[in-house]
Every structure is written in C-alpha cells, then in structure tokens.
C-alpha cells in the first residue's frame, strides 16, 4: 500500500507498507517516495496521485515548502 505519511516535523512523504492478509500491514521504516529534493524541505509531498501506464506505475505528487 502507498500512503501519505507525516513525520514529527510535519514533513509529508509517501509511505509504503505490505500485508499478507490485507488487514495487518508492516510499513517500511524509511519513506517510500524516492523524493527528497531541497525544494521539499519543510513541507513535503501533497496530493499524491498514482497513475498506471501500459508498462509501469507513476506517482505525481505536488510539493510544498
């Protein structure tokens, strides 16, 4: 599962969790978004979208300061 997470400083990121049964999830300790540019410091990602193309999935979040 991809989800929007927020750290203790209020910075948003995309998280990633897996589940064998769809009820209990285990999340990765690190954000799963692969972003992290200096323009995202102090804000993070907002309104993430997941889009499927013919051969892959793309994420298209907005970033904030």
PDB file of N, CA and C in Angstrom:
ATOM      1  N   UNK A   1       0.838  -1.152   0.000  1.00  0.00           N
ATOM      2  CA  UNK A   1       0.000   0.000   0.000  1.00  0.00           C
ATOM      3  C   UNK A   1       0.901   1.240   0.000  1.00  0.00           C
ATOM      4  N   UNK A   2       0.540   2.211  -0.800  1.00  0.00           N
ATOM      5  CA  UNK A   2       1.160   3.527  -0.728  1.00  0.00           C
ATOM      6  C   UNK A   2       0.249   4.419   0.101  1.00  0.00           C
ATOM      7  N   UNK A   3       0.839   5.218   0.982  1.00  0.00           N
ATOM      8  CA  UNK A   3       0.034   6.115   1.804  1.00  0.00           C
ATOM      9  C   UNK A   3       0.802   7.399   2.062  1.00  0.00           C
ATOM     10  N   UNK A   4       0.079   8.461   2.383  1.00  0.00           N
ATOM     11  CA  UNK A   4       0.708   9.736   2.723  1.00  0.00           C
ATOM     12  C   UNK A   4       1.012   9.710   4.213  1.00  0.00           C
ATOM     13  N   UNK A   5       2.258   9.962   4.555  1.00  0.00           N
ATOM     14  CA  UNK A   5       2.703   9.954   5.942  1.00  0.00           C
ATOM     15  C   UNK A   5       3.232  11.341   6.320  1.00  0.00           C
ATOM     16  N   UNK A   6       3.378  11.564   7.625  1.00  0.00           N
ATOM     17  CA  UNK A   6       3.910  12.833   8.101  1.00  0.00           C
ATOM     18  C   UNK A   6       4.846  12.558   9.270  1.00  0.00           C
ATOM     19  N   UNK A   7       6.055  13.146   9.224  1.00  0.00           N
ATOM     20  CA  UNK A   7       6.997  12.928  10.321  1.00  0.00           C
ATOM     21  C   UNK A   7       6.721  13.897  11.470  1.00  0.00           C
ATOM     22  N   UNK A   8       7.517  13.802  12.526  1.00  0.00           N
ATOM     23  CA  UNK A   8       7.298  14.629  13.722  1.00  0.00           C
ATOM     24  C   UNK A   8       7.502  16.114  13.473  1.00  0.00           C
ATOM     25  N   UNK A   9       8.154  16.479  12.353  1.00  0.00           N
ATOM     26  CA  UNK A   9       8.347  17.884  11.996  1.00  0.00           C
ATOM     27  C   UNK A   9       7.241  18.405  11.078  1.00  0.00           C
ATOM     28  N   UNK A  10       6.333  17.510  10.658  1.00  0.00           N
ATOM     29  CA  UNK A  10       5.239  17.924   9.794  1.00  0.00           C
ATOM     30  C   UNK A  10       5.532  17.796   8.309  1.00  0.00           C
ATOM     31  N   UNK A  11       6.667  17.180   7.951  1.00  0.00           N
ATOM     32  CA  UNK A  11       7.008  16.997   6.544  1.00  0.00           C
ATOM     33  C   UNK A  11       6.296  15.758   6.010  1.00  0.00           C
ATOM     34  N   UNK A  12       5.570  15.918   4.920  1.00  0.00           N
ATOM     35  CA  UNK A  12       4.824  14.824   4.313  1.00  0.00           C
ATOM     36  C   UNK A  12       5.694  14.012   3.373  1.00  0.00           C
ATOM     37  N   UNK A  13       5.393  12.718   3.300  1.00  0.00           N
ATOM     38  CA  UNK A  13       6.085  11.843   2.349  1.00  0.00           C
ATOM     39  C   UNK A  13       5.139  10.710   1.982  1.00  0.00           C
ATOM     40  N   UNK A  14       5.516   9.947   0.988  1.00  0.00           N
ATOM     41  CA  UNK A  14       4.754   8.755   0.643  1.00  0.00           C
ATOM     42  C   UNK A  14       5.364   7.587   1.390  1.00  0.00           C
ATOM     43  N   UNK A  15       4.521   6.837   2.068  1.00  0.00           N
ATOM     44  CA  UNK A  15       4.973   5.649   2.767  1.00  0.00           C
ATOM     45  C   UNK A  15       4.611   4.406   1.983  1.00  0.00           C
ATOM     46  N   UNK A  16       5.236   3.299   2.340  1.00  0.00           N
ATOM     47  CA  UNK A  16       4.981   2.023   1.672  1.00  0.00           C
ATOM     48  C   UNK A  16       4.832   0.944   2.731  1.00  0.00           C
ATOM     49  N   UNK A  17       3.761   0.177   2.639  1.00  0.00           N
ATOM     50  CA  UNK A  17       3.520  -0.911   3.586  1.00  0.00           C
ATOM     51  C   UNK A  17       3.063  -2.150   2.819  1.00  0.00           C
ATOM     52  N   UNK A  18       3.344  -3.319   3.388  1.00  0.00           N
ATOM     53  CA  UNK A  18       2.919  -4.579   2.775  1.00  0.00           C
ATOM     54  C   UNK A  18       2.079  -5.385   3.762  1.00  0.00           C
ATOM     55  N   UNK A  19       1.275  -6.284   3.200  1.00  0.00           N
ATOM     56  CA  UNK A  19       0.416  -7.121   4.028  1.00  0.00           C
ATOM     57  C   UNK A  19       0.208  -8.466   3.337  1.00  0.00           C
ATOM     58  N   UNK A  20       0.211  -9.517   4.128  1.00  0.00           N
ATOM     59  CA  UNK A  20      -0.088 -10.843   3.594  1.00  0.00           C
ATOM     60  C   UNK A  20      -1.590 -11.119   3.574  1.00  0.00           C
ATOM     61  N   UNK A  21      -2.334 -10.417   4.451  1.00  0.00           N
ATOM     62  CA  UNK A  21      -3.757 -10.708   4.568  1.00  0.00           C
ATOM     63  C   UNK A  21      -4.673  -9.520   4.278  1.00  0.00           C
ATOM     64  N   UNK A  22      -4.118  -8.345   4.003  1.00  0.00           N
ATOM     65  CA  UNK A  22      -4.924  -7.167   3.721  1.00  0.00           C
ATOM     66  C   UNK A  22      -5.512  -6.504   4.956  1.00  0.00           C
ATOM     67  N   UNK A  23      -5.164  -7.005   6.135  1.00  0.00           N
ATOM     68  CA  UNK A  23      -5.669  -6.437   7.391  1.00  0.00           C
ATOM     69  C   UNK A  23      -4.528  -5.873   8.232  1.00  0.00           C
ATOM     70  N   UNK A  24      -3.492  -6.671   8.429  1.00  0.00           N
ATOM     71  CA  UNK A  24      -2.320  -6.249   9.204  1.00  0.00           C
ATOM     72  C   UNK A  24      -1.206  -5.857   8.234  1.00  0.00           C
ATOM     73  N   UNK A  25      -0.709  -4.622   8.390  1.00  0.00           N
ATOM     74  CA  UNK A  25       0.307  -4.092   7.484  1.00  0.00           C
ATOM     75  C   UNK A  25       1.609  -3.859   8.225  1.00  0.00           C
ATOM     76  N   UNK A  26       2.693  -4.030   7.524  1.00  0.00           N
ATOM     77  CA  UNK A  26       4.025  -3.708   8.041  1.00  0.00           C
ATOM     78  C   UNK A  26       4.600  -2.629   7.145  1.00  0.00           C
ATOM     79  N   UNK A  27       4.943  -1.497   7.756  1.00  0.00           N
ATOM     80  CA  UNK A  27       5.451  -0.389   6.952  1.00  0.00           C
ATOM     81  C   UNK A  27       6.971  -0.378   6.942  1.00  0.00           C
ATOM     82  N   UNK A  28       7.517   0.168   5.884  1.00  0.00           N
ATOM     83  CA  UNK A  28       8.968   0.380   5.834  1.00  0.00           C
ATOM     84  C   UNK A  28       9.321   1.525   6.766  1.00  0.00           C
ATOM     85  N   UNK A  29      10.491   1.439   7.365  1.00  0.00           N
ATOM     86  CA  UNK A  29      10.930   2.489   8.298  1.00  0.00           C
ATOM     87  C   UNK A  29      11.227   3.803   7.586  1.00  0.00           C
ATOM     88  N   UNK A  30      11.693   3.728   6.355  1.00  0.00           N
ATOM     89  CA  UNK A  30      12.041   4.921   5.580  1.00  0.00           C
ATOM     90  C   UNK A  30      10.897   5.287   4.647  1.00  0.00           C
ATOM     91  N   UNK A  31      10.759   6.582   4.327  1.00  0.00           N
ATOM     92  CA  UNK A  31       9.728   6.970   3.359  1.00  0.00           C
ATOM     93  C   UNK A  31       9.916   6.225   2.039  1.00  0.00           C
ATOM     94  N   UNK A  32       8.814   5.915   1.401  1.00  0.00           N
ATOM     95  CA  UNK A  32       8.875   5.143   0.166  1.00  0.00           C
ATOM     96  C   UNK A  32       8.764   5.966  -1.089  1.00  0.00           C
ATOM     97  N   UNK A  33       8.897   7.286  -0.972  1.00  0.00           N
ATOM     98  CA  UNK A  33       8.604   8.096  -2.139  1.00  0.00           C
ATOM     99  C   UNK A  33       9.772   8.306  -3.086  1.00  0.00           C
ATOM    100  N   UNK A  34      11.002   8.174  -2.620  1.00  0.00           N
ATOM    101  CA  UNK A  34      12.137   8.385  -3.500  1.00  0.00           C
ATOM    102  C   UNK A  34      12.378   9.840  -3.839  1.00  0.00           C
ATOM    103  N   UNK A  35      11.604  10.743  -3.232  1.00  0.00           N
ATOM    104  CA  UNK A  35      11.807  12.163  -3.475  1.00  0.00           C
ATOM    105  C   UNK A  35      12.828  12.669  -2.468  1.00  0.00           C
ATOM    106  N   UNK A  36      12.778  13.893  -2.120  1.00  0.00           N
ATOM    107  CA  UNK A  36      13.673  14.394  -1.087  1.00  0.00           C
ATOM    108  C   UNK A  36      14.571  15.510  -1.559  1.00  0.00           C
ATOM    109  N   UNK A  37      14.153  16.229  -2.594  1.00  0.00           N
ATOM    110  CA  UNK A  37      14.930  17.366  -3.062  1.00  0.00           C
ATOM    111  C   UNK A  37      14.897  18.493  -2.048  1.00  0.00           C
ATOM    112  N   UNK A  38      15.831  19.414  -2.160  1.00  0.00           N
ATOM    113  CA  UNK A  38      15.890  20.523  -1.208  1.00  0.00           C
ATOM    114  C   UNK A  38      14.634  21.381  -1.268  1.00  0.00           C
ATOM    115  N   UNK A  39      13.931  21.413  -2.410  1.00  0.00           N
ATOM    116  CA  UNK A  39      12.706  22.197  -2.523  1.00  0.00           C
ATOM    117  C   UNK A  39      11.574  21.608  -1.690  1.00  0.00           C
ATOM    118  N   UNK A  40      11.713  20.379  -1.189  1.00  0.00           N
ATOM    119  CA  UNK A  40      10.675  19.750  -0.380  1.00  0.00           C
ATOM    120  C   UNK A  40      10.908  19.924   1.119  1.00  0.00           C
ATOM    121  N   UNK A  41      12.065  20.425   1.512  1.00  0.00           N
ATOM    122  CA  UNK A  41      12.359  20.555   2.932  1.00  0.00           C
ATOM    123  C   UNK A  41      11.382  21.525   3.587  1.00  0.00           C
ATOM    124  N   UNK A  42      10.843  21.107   4.731  1.00  0.00           N
ATOM    125  CA  UNK A  42       9.910  21.950   5.455  1.00  0.00           C
ATOM    126  C   UNK A  42       8.474  21.847   4.975  1.00  0.00           C
ATOM    127  N   UNK A  43       8.200  21.008   4.000  1.00  0.00           N
ATOM    128  CA  UNK A  43       6.835  20.856   3.503  1.00  0.00           C
ATOM    129  C   UNK A  43       6.537  19.428   3.140  1.00  0.00           C
ATOM    130  N   UNK A  44       7.131  18.969   2.063  1.00  0.00           N
ATOM    131  CA  UNK A  44       6.972  17.584   1.649  1.00  0.00           C
ATOM    132  C   UNK A  44       6.086  17.420   0.443  1.00  0.00           C
ATOM    133  N   UNK A  45       5.465  16.267   0.321  1.00  0.00           N
ATOM    134  CA  UNK A  45       4.608  15.959  -0.820  1.00  0.00           C
ATOM    135  C   UNK A  45       3.148  16.045  -0.401  1.00  0.00           C
ATOM    136  N   UNK A  46       2.320  16.521  -1.287  1.00  0.00           N
ATOM    137  CA  UNK A  46       0.886  16.654  -1.035  1.00  0.00           C
ATOM    138  C   UNK A  46       0.120  16.080  -2.220  1.00  0.00           C
ATOM    139  N   UNK A  47      -1.061  15.624  -1.966  1.00  0.00           N
ATOM    140  CA  UNK A  47      -1.984  15.143  -3.004  1.00  0.00           C
ATOM    141  C   UNK A  47      -1.337  14.177  -3.994  1.00  0.00           C
ATOM    142  N   UNK A  48      -0.728  13.102  -3.493  1.00  0.00           N
ATOM    143  CA  UNK A  48      -0.091  12.165  -4.414  1.00  0.00           C
ATOM    144  C   UNK A  48      -1.111  11.456  -5.297  1.00  0.00           C
ATOM    145  N   UNK A  49      -0.750  11.253  -6.539  1.00  0.00           N
ATOM    146  CA  UNK A  49      -1.569  10.511  -7.487  1.00  0.00           C
ATOM    147  C   UNK A  49      -0.753   9.333  -7.989  1.00  0.00           C
ATOM    148  N   UNK A  50      -1.401   8.210  -8.152  1.00  0.00           N
ATOM    149  CA  UNK A  50      -0.762   7.035  -8.725  1.00  0.00           C
ATOM    150  C   UNK A  50      -1.427   6.786 -10.066  1.00  0.00           C
ATOM    151  N   UNK A  51      -0.628   6.778 -11.125  1.00  0.00           N
ATOM    152  CA  UNK A  51      -1.149   6.585 -12.470  1.00  0.00           C
ATOM    153  C   UNK A  51      -0.506   5.369 -13.104  1.00  0.00           C
ATOM    154  N   UNK A  52      -1.300   4.589 -13.796  1.00  0.00           N
ATOM    155  CA  UNK A  52      -0.787   3.406 -14.470  1.00  0.00           C
ATOM    156  C   UNK A  52      -0.677   3.680 -15.961  1.00  0.00           C
ATOM    157  N   UNK A  53       0.503   3.429 -16.499  1.00  0.00           N
ATOM    158  CA  UNK A  53       0.683   3.482 -17.946  1.00  0.00           C
ATOM    159  C   UNK A  53       0.600   2.044 -18.457  1.00  0.00           C
ATOM    160  N   UNK A  54       0.929   1.838 -19.686  1.00  0.00           N
ATOM    161  CA  UNK A  54       0.858   0.486 -20.232  1.00  0.00           C
ATOM    162  C   UNK A  54       1.830  -0.470 -19.568  1.00  0.00           C
ATOM    163  N   UNK A  55       2.991   0.035 -19.113  1.00  0.00           N
ATOM    164  CA  UNK A  55       4.021  -0.871 -18.596  1.00  0.00           C
ATOM    165  C   UNK A  55       4.505  -0.558 -17.176  1.00  0.00           C
ATOM    166  N   UNK A  56       4.076   0.584 -16.582  1.00  0.00           N
ATOM    167  CA  UNK A  56       4.555   0.912 -15.234  1.00  0.00           C
ATOM    168  C   UNK A  56       3.597   1.842 -14.526  1.00  0.00           C
ATOM    169  N   UNK A  57       3.852   2.044 -13.237  1.00  0.00           N
ATOM    170  CA  UNK A  57       3.073   2.974 -12.433  1.00  0.00           C
ATOM    171  C   UNK A  57       3.902   4.226 -12.178  1.00  0.00           C
ATOM    172  N   UNK A  58       3.253   5.387 -12.178  1.00  0.00           N
ATOM    173  CA  UNK A  58       3.925   6.665 -11.949  1.00  0.00           C
ATOM    174  C   UNK A  58       3.258   7.371 -10.777  1.00  0.00           C
ATOM    175  N   UNK A  59       4.046   8.037  -9.950  1.00  0.00           N
ATOM    176  CA  UNK A  59       3.479   8.893  -8.905  1.00  0.00           C
ATOM    177  C   UNK A  59       3.665  10.341  -9.331  1.00  0.00           C
ATOM    178  N   UNK A  60       2.628  11.145  -9.099  1.00  0.00           N
ATOM    179  CA  UNK A  60       2.686  12.549  -9.485  1.00  0.00           C
ATOM    180  C   UNK A  60       2.208  13.428  -8.334  1.00  0.00           C
ATOM    181  N   UNK A  61       3.043  13.597  -7.298  1.00  0.00           N
ATOM    182  CA  UNK A  61       2.628  14.445  -6.162  1.00  0.00           C
ATOM    183  C   UNK A  61       2.969  15.906  -6.411  1.00  0.00           C
ATOM    184  N   UNK A  62       2.267  16.782  -5.696  1.00  0.00           N
ATOM    185  CA  UNK A  62       2.661  18.174  -5.611  1.00  0.00           C
ATOM    186  C   UNK A  62       3.680  18.263  -4.486  1.00  0.00           C
ATOM    187  N   UNK A  63       4.516  19.287  -4.506  1.00  0.00           N
ATOM    188  CA  UNK A  63       5.446  19.501  -3.393  1.00  0.00           C
ATOM    189  C   UNK A  63       5.160  20.865  -2.789  1.00  0.00           C
ATOM    190  N   UNK A  64       5.435  20.992  -1.508  1.00  0.00           N
ATOM    191  CA  UNK A  64       5.189  22.258  -0.802  1.00  0.00           C
ATOM    192  C   UNK A  64       6.427  22.663  -0.042  1.00  0.00           C
ATOM    193  N   UNK A  65       6.461  23.897   0.364  1.00  0.00           N
ATOM    194  CA  UNK A  65       7.526  24.394   1.236  1.00  0.00           C
ATOM    195  C   UNK A  65       6.969  24.665   2.597  1.00  0.00           C
TER     196      UNK A  65
END
